[in-house]
């Protein structure tokens, strides 16, 4: 590649063969801006205008769905708990009453007798 560049420089010389008129680059930016057509102001697309409403609607749908699910789960849990609680409550009440009556029937002599029997 150096050989080709050297050949061209020897043949043509080191001076630049291209010339530019005086003040060309100073006016270039203005000329280009004059040639570009003015763009019309574009209205935002319908989707972009409705995007906040879509986000709000999605949030409302998620909230409603969550409330419905929570209420259904809460009803199922309450029904399950009512059935189990009433059954356990009667069993607990019966055993508690038995223990309370047994404890209430102890007098001092029976307490001494049970303590001496354990020794």
N, C-alpha and C. Protein backbone atom coordinates (compact mmCIF):
# COMPACT_ATOMS: atom_id res chain seq x y z
N UNK A 1 0.82 -1.18 0.00
CA UNK A 1 0.00 0.00 0.00
C UNK A 1 0.87 1.26 0.00
N UNK A 2 1.97 1.21 0.67
CA UNK A 2 2.86 2.37 0.67
C UNK A 2 3.40 2.66 -0.74
N UNK A 3 3.61 1.61 -1.50
CA UNK A 3 4.13 1.78 -2.84
C UNK A 3 3.14 2.55 -3.70
N UNK A 4 1.85 2.23 -3.55
CA UNK A 4 0.82 2.91 -4.34
C UNK A 4 0.72 4.38 -3.94
N UNK A 5 0.75 4.65 -2.65
CA UNK A 5 0.68 6.04 -2.19
C UNK A 5 1.89 6.84 -2.67
N UNK A 6 3.06 6.23 -2.62
CA UNK A 6 4.27 6.91 -3.10
C UNK A 6 4.18 7.19 -4.60
N UNK A 7 3.68 6.26 -5.35
CA UNK A 7 3.53 6.43 -6.79
C UNK A 7 2.61 7.60 -7.10
N UNK A 8 1.47 7.68 -6.37
CA UNK A 8 0.51 8.77 -6.59
C UNK A 8 1.13 10.11 -6.20
N UNK A 9 1.83 10.18 -5.10
CA UNK A 9 2.45 11.44 -4.67
C UNK A 9 3.53 11.90 -5.66
N UNK A 10 4.29 10.95 -6.20
CA UNK A 10 5.32 11.32 -7.18
C UNK A 10 4.68 11.82 -8.47
N UNK A 11 3.58 11.23 -8.85
CA UNK A 11 2.92 11.59 -10.09
C UNK A 11 2.16 12.91 -9.98
N UNK A 12 1.42 13.09 -8.86
CA UNK A 12 0.54 14.25 -8.71
C UNK A 12 1.17 15.38 -7.88
N UNK A 13 2.07 15.04 -7.02
CA UNK A 13 2.64 16.04 -6.12
C UNK A 13 1.92 16.07 -4.80
N UNK A 14 2.34 16.97 -3.91
CA UNK A 14 1.76 17.04 -2.56
C UNK A 14 0.67 18.09 -2.43
N UNK A 15 0.41 18.86 -3.44
CA UNK A 15 -0.62 19.88 -3.29
C UNK A 15 -2.01 19.29 -3.53
N UNK A 16 -3.01 19.91 -2.93
CA UNK A 16 -4.40 19.46 -2.99
C UNK A 16 -5.02 19.97 -4.30
N UNK A 17 -5.52 19.06 -5.15
CA UNK A 17 -6.08 19.49 -6.43
C UNK A 17 -7.49 20.08 -6.31
N UNK A 18 -8.12 19.93 -5.16
CA UNK A 18 -9.49 20.39 -5.00
C UNK A 18 -9.51 21.77 -4.36
N UNK A 19 -10.36 22.63 -4.87
CA UNK A 19 -10.48 23.98 -4.32
C UNK A 19 -11.92 24.25 -3.93
N UNK A 20 -12.09 25.11 -2.94
CA UNK A 20 -13.41 25.47 -2.42
C UNK A 20 -13.54 26.98 -2.54
N UNK A 21 -14.68 27.46 -2.98
CA UNK A 21 -14.85 28.92 -3.07
C UNK A 21 -14.71 29.58 -1.69
N UNK A 22 -14.30 30.82 -1.68
CA UNK A 22 -14.13 31.58 -0.44
C UNK A 22 -15.46 31.70 0.30
N UNK A 23 -15.47 31.43 1.64
CA UNK A 23 -16.66 31.58 2.48
C UNK A 23 -17.71 30.50 2.26
N UNK A 24 -17.33 29.41 1.59
CA UNK A 24 -18.31 28.35 1.28
C UNK A 24 -18.82 27.69 2.56
N UNK A 25 -17.93 27.34 3.46
CA UNK A 25 -18.34 26.63 4.68
C UNK A 25 -19.06 27.54 5.67
N UNK A 26 -18.88 28.84 5.57
CA UNK A 26 -19.57 29.77 6.45
C UNK A 26 -21.05 29.85 6.09
N UNK A 27 -21.38 29.69 4.82
CA UNK A 27 -22.75 29.78 4.37
C UNK A 27 -23.41 28.40 4.24
N UNK A 28 -22.63 27.36 4.38
CA UNK A 28 -23.12 26.00 4.13
C UNK A 28 -24.28 25.63 5.07
N UNK A 29 -24.13 25.89 6.35
CA UNK A 29 -25.18 25.51 7.31
C UNK A 29 -26.48 26.24 7.01
N UNK A 30 -26.43 27.50 6.72
CA UNK A 30 -27.64 28.26 6.39
C UNK A 30 -28.30 27.76 5.12
N UNK A 31 -27.50 27.44 4.11
CA UNK A 31 -28.06 26.93 2.85
C UNK A 31 -28.77 25.60 3.06
N UNK A 32 -28.15 24.74 3.82
CA UNK A 32 -28.77 23.43 4.07
C UNK A 32 -30.07 23.59 4.83
N UNK A 33 -30.10 24.45 5.85
CA UNK A 33 -31.33 24.65 6.63
C UNK A 33 -32.44 25.26 5.76
N UNK A 34 -32.09 26.08 4.81
CA UNK A 34 -33.11 26.65 3.91
C UNK A 34 -33.68 25.61 2.96
N UNK A 35 -32.89 24.64 2.59
CA UNK A 35 -33.35 23.60 1.66
C UNK A 35 -34.23 22.55 2.34
N UNK A 36 -34.10 22.37 3.65
CA UNK A 36 -34.90 21.37 4.37
C UNK A 36 -36.32 21.90 4.52
N UNK A 37 -37.33 21.10 4.12
CA UNK A 37 -38.71 21.57 4.28
C UNK A 37 -39.10 21.61 5.76
N UNK A 38 -39.93 22.57 6.13
CA UNK A 38 -40.40 22.69 7.51
C UNK A 38 -41.33 21.51 7.81
N UNK A 39 -41.11 20.91 8.96
CA UNK A 39 -41.93 19.76 9.34
C UNK A 39 -43.17 20.24 10.08
N UNK A 40 -44.28 19.56 9.81
CA UNK A 40 -45.52 19.88 10.49
C UNK A 40 -45.46 19.29 11.90
N UNK A 41 -46.14 19.94 12.81
CA UNK A 41 -46.20 19.42 14.16
C UNK A 41 -47.08 18.18 14.17
N UNK A 42 -46.54 17.09 14.66
CA UNK A 42 -47.30 15.85 14.66
C UNK A 42 -48.04 15.70 15.97
N UNK A 43 -49.28 15.28 15.86
CA UNK A 43 -50.05 15.00 17.06
C UNK A 43 -49.62 13.64 17.59
N UNK A 44 -49.61 13.48 18.91
CA UNK A 44 -49.25 12.17 19.45
C UNK A 44 -50.29 11.12 19.04
N UNK A 45 -49.85 9.92 18.88
CA UNK A 45 -50.75 8.84 18.47
C UNK A 45 -51.80 8.60 19.55
N UNK A 46 -52.91 8.01 19.14
CA UNK A 46 -54.02 7.76 20.04
C UNK A 46 -53.59 6.86 21.20
N UNK A 47 -52.79 5.86 20.91
CA UNK A 47 -52.32 4.94 21.96
C UNK A 47 -51.49 5.69 23.00
N UNK A 48 -50.65 6.61 22.55
CA UNK A 48 -49.83 7.36 23.50
C UNK A 48 -50.68 8.26 24.39
N UNK A 49 -51.76 8.80 23.84
CA UNK A 49 -52.63 9.65 24.65
C UNK A 49 -53.45 8.82 25.63
N UNK A 50 -53.82 7.61 25.24
CA UNK A 50 -54.66 6.77 26.10
C UNK A 50 -53.85 5.89 27.05
N UNK A 51 -52.54 5.89 26.94
CA UNK A 51 -51.71 5.00 27.75
C UNK A 51 -51.94 5.20 29.26
N UNK A 52 -52.01 6.43 29.79
CA UNK A 52 -52.28 6.57 31.23
C UNK A 52 -53.63 5.99 31.64
N UNK A 53 -54.63 6.13 30.77
CA UNK A 53 -55.93 5.54 31.08
C UNK A 53 -55.86 4.02 31.08
N UNK A 54 -55.10 3.45 30.18
CA UNK A 54 -54.93 2.00 30.15
C UNK A 54 -54.25 1.51 31.43
N UNK A 55 -53.25 2.24 31.89
CA UNK A 55 -52.57 1.86 33.14
C UNK A 55 -53.53 1.93 34.32
N UNK A 56 -54.34 2.98 34.37
CA UNK A 56 -55.30 3.12 35.46
C UNK A 56 -56.34 1.99 35.42
N UNK A 57 -56.81 1.66 34.22
CA UNK A 57 -57.80 0.58 34.08
C UNK A 57 -57.20 -0.76 34.50
N UNK A 58 -55.94 -0.98 34.16
CA UNK A 58 -55.29 -2.24 34.56
C UNK A 58 -55.17 -2.31 36.08
N UNK A 59 -54.83 -1.20 36.73
CA UNK A 59 -54.73 -1.18 38.19
C UNK A 59 -56.07 -1.46 38.84
N UNK A 60 -57.13 -0.87 38.30
CA UNK A 60 -58.47 -1.08 38.85
C UNK A 60 -58.87 -2.55 38.69
N UNK A 61 -58.59 -3.13 37.53
CA UNK A 61 -58.93 -4.54 37.30
C UNK A 61 -58.18 -5.45 38.28
N UNK A 62 -56.93 -5.17 38.49
CA UNK A 62 -56.14 -5.99 39.42
C UNK A 62 -56.69 -5.84 40.84
N UNK A 63 -57.05 -4.63 41.23
CA UNK A 63 -57.59 -4.41 42.58
C UNK A 63 -58.92 -5.14 42.75
N UNK A 64 -59.81 -5.04 41.78
CA UNK A 64 -61.11 -5.72 41.87
C UNK A 64 -60.91 -7.23 41.91
N UNK A 65 -60.05 -7.74 41.07
CA UNK A 65 -59.77 -9.18 41.05
C UNK A 65 -59.21 -9.63 42.40
N UNK A 66 -58.32 -8.85 42.97
CA UNK A 66 -57.75 -9.20 44.26
C UNK A 66 -58.78 -9.21 45.37
N UNK A 67 -59.69 -8.25 45.37
CA UNK A 67 -60.73 -8.18 46.39
C UNK A 67 -61.67 -9.38 46.27
N UNK A 68 -62.05 -9.73 45.05
CA UNK A 68 -62.95 -10.88 44.85
C UNK A 68 -62.29 -12.16 45.32
N UNK A 69 -61.03 -12.35 44.97
CA UNK A 69 -60.31 -13.55 45.41
C UNK A 69 -60.20 -13.58 46.92
N UNK A 70 -59.87 -12.45 47.53
CA UNK A 70 -59.72 -12.39 48.98
C UNK A 70 -61.03 -12.73 49.68
N UNK A 71 -62.15 -12.19 49.18
CA UNK A 71 -63.44 -12.46 49.80
C UNK A 71 -63.82 -13.93 49.68
N UNK A 72 -63.57 -14.53 48.52
CA UNK A 72 -63.89 -15.95 48.36
C UNK A 72 -63.04 -16.82 49.27
N UNK A 73 -61.76 -16.52 49.37
CA UNK A 73 -60.90 -17.30 50.26
C UNK A 73 -61.29 -17.09 51.71
N UNK A 74 -61.68 -15.87 52.06
CA UNK A 74 -62.08 -15.56 53.43
C UNK A 74 -63.35 -16.32 53.79
N UNK A 75 -64.32 -16.43 52.86
CA UNK A 75 -65.55 -17.16 53.12
C UNK A 75 -65.25 -18.65 53.33
N UNK A 76 -64.40 -19.21 52.48
CA UNK A 76 -64.05 -20.62 52.61
C UNK A 76 -63.35 -20.88 53.93
N UNK A 77 -62.46 -19.99 54.31
CA UNK A 77 -61.72 -20.16 55.57
C UNK A 77 -62.67 -20.05 56.76
N UNK A 78 -63.59 -19.10 56.71
CA UNK A 78 -64.54 -18.94 57.81
C UNK A 78 -65.44 -20.16 57.96
N UNK A 79 -65.91 -20.71 56.85
CA UNK A 79 -66.76 -21.89 56.91
C UNK A 79 -66.00 -23.07 57.47
N UNK A 80 -64.76 -23.22 57.06
CA UNK A 80 -63.94 -24.32 57.57
C UNK A 80 -63.67 -24.14 59.05
N UNK A 81 -63.37 -22.93 59.45
CA UNK A 81 -63.06 -22.67 60.85
C UNK A 81 -64.28 -22.83 61.74
N UNK A 82 -65.46 -22.47 61.25
CA UNK A 82 -66.66 -22.60 62.06
C UNK A 82 -66.95 -24.06 62.36
N UNK A 83 -66.81 -24.90 61.35
CA UNK A 83 -67.07 -26.32 61.56
C UNK A 83 -66.08 -26.93 62.53
N UNK A 84 -64.82 -26.66 62.36
CA UNK A 84 -63.78 -27.23 63.23
C UNK A 84 -63.84 -26.63 64.63
N UNK A 85 -64.13 -25.36 64.73
CA UNK A 85 -64.12 -24.69 66.03
C UNK A 85 -65.26 -25.20 66.90
N UNK A 86 -66.43 -25.37 66.31
CA UNK A 86 -67.57 -25.82 67.12
C UNK A 86 -67.33 -27.23 67.64
N UNK A 87 -66.72 -28.08 66.85
CA UNK A 87 -66.44 -29.45 67.29
C UNK A 87 -65.39 -29.44 68.39
N UNK A 88 -64.32 -28.68 68.21
CA UNK A 88 -63.26 -28.63 69.22
C UNK A 88 -63.73 -27.91 70.48
N UNK A 89 -64.61 -26.94 70.31
CA UNK A 89 -65.08 -26.18 71.47
C UNK A 89 -65.89 -27.07 72.40
N UNK A 90 -66.73 -27.92 71.85
CA UNK A 90 -67.52 -28.80 72.72
C UNK A 90 -66.62 -29.81 73.41
N UNK A 91 -65.62 -30.35 72.69
CA UNK A 91 -64.69 -31.29 73.32
C UNK A 91 -63.89 -30.60 74.42
N UNK A 92 -63.45 -29.38 74.16
CA UNK A 92 -62.67 -28.64 75.14
C UNK A 92 -63.52 -28.31 76.36
N UNK A 93 -64.75 -27.88 76.12
CA UNK A 93 -65.63 -27.51 77.23
C UNK A 93 -65.91 -28.72 78.13
N UNK A 94 -66.15 -29.87 77.53
CA UNK A 94 -66.43 -31.07 78.33
C UNK A 94 -65.22 -31.46 79.17
N UNK A 95 -64.05 -31.46 78.60
CA UNK A 95 -62.87 -31.86 79.36
C UNK A 95 -62.53 -30.82 80.42
N UNK A 96 -62.75 -29.57 80.11
CA UNK A 96 -62.47 -28.51 81.08
C UNK A 96 -63.41 -28.61 82.27
N UNK A 97 -64.67 -28.89 81.98
CA UNK A 97 -65.66 -29.01 83.05
C UNK A 97 -65.32 -30.20 83.93
N UNK A 98 -64.92 -31.31 83.34
CA UNK A 98 -64.54 -32.48 84.13
C UNK A 98 -63.35 -32.17 85.04
N UNK A 99 -62.34 -31.52 84.51
CA UNK A 99 -61.17 -31.18 85.32
C UNK A 99 -61.54 -30.21 86.43
N UNK A 100 -62.37 -29.22 86.10
CA UNK A 100 -62.76 -28.23 87.11
C UNK A 100 -63.56 -28.87 88.24
N UNK A 101 -64.45 -29.78 87.90
CA UNK A 101 -65.24 -30.43 88.96
C UNK A 101 -64.37 -31.34 89.81
N UNK A 102 -63.42 -32.03 89.15
CA UNK A 102 -62.51 -32.88 89.93
C UNK A 102 -61.68 -32.04 90.89
N UNK A 103 -61.21 -30.91 90.45
CA UNK A 103 -60.39 -30.04 91.28
C UNK A 103 -61.22 -29.43 92.40
N UNK A 104 -62.45 -29.09 92.10
CA UNK A 104 -63.30 -28.47 93.11
C UNK A 104 -63.70 -29.45 94.20
N UNK A 105 -63.67 -30.72 93.92
CA UNK A 105 -64.11 -31.72 94.88
C UNK A 105 -63.01 -32.07 95.88
N UNK A 106 -61.78 -31.64 95.63
CA UNK A 106 -60.69 -31.92 96.57
C UNK A 106 -60.86 -31.06 97.83
N UNK A 107 -60.71 -31.70 98.93
CA UNK A 107 -60.62 -30.93 100.16
C UNK A 107 -59.22 -31.13 100.74
N UNK A 108 -58.91 -30.54 101.86
CA UNK A 108 -57.55 -30.58 102.41
C UNK A 108 -57.11 -32.01 102.73
N UNK A 109 -57.99 -32.82 103.26
CA UNK A 109 -57.62 -34.20 103.61
C UNK A 109 -57.25 -35.00 102.37
N UNK A 110 -57.98 -34.84 101.30
CA UNK A 110 -57.68 -35.57 100.07
C UNK A 110 -56.36 -35.09 99.46
N UNK A 111 -56.06 -33.81 99.58
CA UNK A 111 -54.78 -33.29 99.08
C UNK A 111 -53.64 -33.91 99.85
N UNK A 112 -53.75 -33.96 101.21
CA UNK A 112 -52.70 -34.57 102.02
C UNK A 112 -52.54 -36.04 101.67
N UNK A 113 -53.64 -36.72 101.46
CA UNK A 113 -53.59 -38.14 101.15
C UNK A 113 -52.92 -38.37 99.80
N UNK A 114 -53.22 -37.55 98.81
CA UNK A 114 -52.60 -37.75 97.50
C UNK A 114 -51.11 -37.42 97.54
N UNK A 115 -50.71 -36.44 98.35
CA UNK A 115 -49.29 -36.11 98.47
C UNK A 115 -48.53 -37.22 99.19
N UNK A 116 -49.13 -37.80 100.21
CA UNK A 116 -48.47 -38.88 100.93
C UNK A 116 -48.40 -40.16 100.09
N UNK A 117 -49.37 -40.36 99.24
CA UNK A 117 -49.39 -41.54 98.38
C UNK A 117 -48.29 -41.47 97.32
N UNK A 118 -47.93 -40.26 96.90
CA UNK A 118 -46.89 -40.09 95.88
C UNK A 118 -45.50 -40.34 96.44
N UNK A 119 -45.33 -40.27 97.76
CA UNK A 119 -44.01 -40.44 98.36
C UNK A 119 -43.61 -41.85 98.48
